[in-house]
Amino acid sequence: MRIVALSLLLLLNLTLAGCQSKAAKVKKLVDQYNAEYPPYAKACLDEDMTSGASRMLTGEKLTPEQIAALEAKKKERDARCKPEADRLAQLQKEILAAQQ
């Protein structure tokens, strides 16, 4: 009986330690994501970058030159921001996996 009680106590301690380390891993990943997202959002999701889309949605007519300039800006932004967007997406996947 004493062996069973000690075994259960040991198992409980190991389980609690595993949960704490899992929670610590999730917290570390979330903190990392929260630190990396604001600079990404400012650089890549800023309203200046989407102002052309806003103008188009309001019905404002854009010249072909303005459209070409907006498309060029979008291509440049996508090329510049894709690595960081991919990195943040990977962090999100790791957070979800760690929470399972």
Protein backbone atom coordinates (compact mmCIF):
# COMPACT_ATOMS: atom_id res chain seq x y z
CA MET A 1 0.00 0.00 0.00
CA ARG A 2 2.82 2.34 0.89
CA ILE A 3 4.50 1.67 -2.50
CA VAL A 4 1.26 2.46 -4.36
CA ALA A 5 0.84 5.73 -2.44
CA LEU A 6 4.45 6.74 -3.12
CA SER A 7 4.08 5.83 -6.79
CA LEU A 8 0.94 7.95 -7.11
CA LEU A 9 2.63 10.85 -5.34
CA LEU A 10 5.64 10.62 -7.68
CA LEU A 11 3.38 10.44 -10.72
CA LEU A 12 1.42 13.48 -9.51
CA ASN A 13 4.63 15.48 -9.00
CA LEU A 14 5.90 14.58 -12.46
CA THR A 15 2.57 15.53 -14.01
CA LEU A 16 2.53 18.90 -12.23
CA ALA A 17 6.12 19.58 -13.27
CA GLY A 18 5.23 18.75 -16.87
CA CYS A 19 2.27 21.13 -16.81
CA GLN A 20 4.40 23.90 -15.35
CA SER A 21 7.10 23.47 -17.99
CA LYS A 22 4.41 23.36 -20.71
CA ALA A 23 2.88 26.57 -19.39
CA ALA A 24 6.32 28.17 -19.23
CA LYS A 25 6.99 27.20 -22.86
CA VAL A 26 3.64 28.64 -23.98
CA LYS A 27 4.30 31.84 -22.03
CA LYS A 28 7.77 32.18 -23.56
CA LEU A 29 6.37 31.73 -27.08
CA VAL A 30 3.51 34.17 -26.47
CA ASP A 31 5.91 36.75 -25.02
CA GLN A 32 8.16 36.34 -28.05
CA TYR A 33 5.19 36.76 -30.42
CA ASN A 34 3.95 39.81 -28.51
CA ALA A 35 7.42 41.38 -28.73
CA GLU A 36 7.82 40.73 -32.47
CA TYR A 37 4.31 41.59 -33.71
CA PRO A 38 4.09 45.36 -32.98
CA PRO A 39 7.17 46.31 -35.06
CA TYR A 40 5.91 44.06 -37.86
CA ALA A 41 2.45 45.63 -37.72
CA LYS A 42 3.90 49.13 -37.76
CA ALA A 43 6.19 48.40 -40.70
CA CYS A 44 3.96 46.12 -42.73
CA LEU A 45 0.35 46.80 -41.83
CA ASP A 46 0.52 50.55 -41.39
CA GLU A 47 -2.36 52.54 -42.79
CA ASP A 48 -0.03 54.42 -45.18
CA MET A 49 0.49 51.15 -47.01
CA THR A 50 -3.23 50.49 -47.39
CA SER A 51 -4.36 54.03 -48.19
CA GLY A 52 -4.68 53.19 -51.90
CA ALA A 53 -7.07 50.35 -51.14
CA SER A 54 -9.09 52.67 -48.90
CA ARG A 55 -9.32 55.25 -51.67
CA MET A 56 -10.47 52.60 -54.12
CA LEU A 57 -13.14 51.35 -51.72
CA THR A 58 -14.57 54.85 -51.34
CA GLY A 59 -15.10 54.98 -55.08
CA GLU A 60 -12.30 57.41 -55.80
CA LYS A 61 -11.03 56.91 -59.33
CA LEU A 62 -7.32 56.22 -59.57
CA THR A 63 -5.26 56.86 -62.65
CA PRO A 64 -3.35 53.95 -64.20
CA GLU A 65 -0.13 55.55 -62.92
CA GLN A 66 -1.49 55.67 -59.37
CA ILE A 67 -2.61 52.04 -59.61
CA ALA A 68 0.80 50.99 -60.93
CA ALA A 69 2.52 52.89 -58.11
CA LEU A 70 0.28 51.22 -55.52
CA GLU A 71 0.94 47.79 -57.01
CA ALA A 72 4.68 48.44 -56.97
CA LYS A 73 4.50 49.54 -53.32
CA LYS A 74 2.52 46.40 -52.48
CA LYS A 75 5.05 44.14 -54.21
CA GLU A 76 7.92 45.82 -52.40
CA ARG A 77 6.13 45.60 -49.05
CA ASP A 78 5.22 41.95 -49.59
CA ALA A 79 8.82 41.08 -50.46
CA ARG A 80 10.13 42.99 -47.44
CA CYS A 81 7.53 41.72 -44.97
CA LYS A 82 7.08 38.09 -46.06
CA PRO A 83 9.96 36.66 -44.00
CA GLU A 84 8.67 38.30 -40.83
CA ALA A 85 5.07 37.30 -41.60
CA ASP A 86 6.23 33.72 -42.09
CA ARG A 87 8.16 33.87 -38.82
CA LEU A 88 5.11 35.13 -36.93
CA ALA A 89 2.93 32.45 -38.52
CA GLN A 90 5.43 29.81 -37.39
CA LEU A 91 5.36 31.22 -33.87
CA GLN A 92 1.55 31.00 -33.90
CA LYS A 93 1.76 27.34 -34.94
CA GLU A 94 4.28 26.63 -32.17
CA ILE A 95 2.01 28.32 -29.61
CA LEU A 96 -0.98 26.24 -30.74
CA ALA A 97 1.10 23.05 -30.68
CA ALA A 98 2.44 23.83 -27.21
CA GLN A 99 -1.09 24.41 -25.92
CA GLN A 100 -2.24 20.95 -27.00
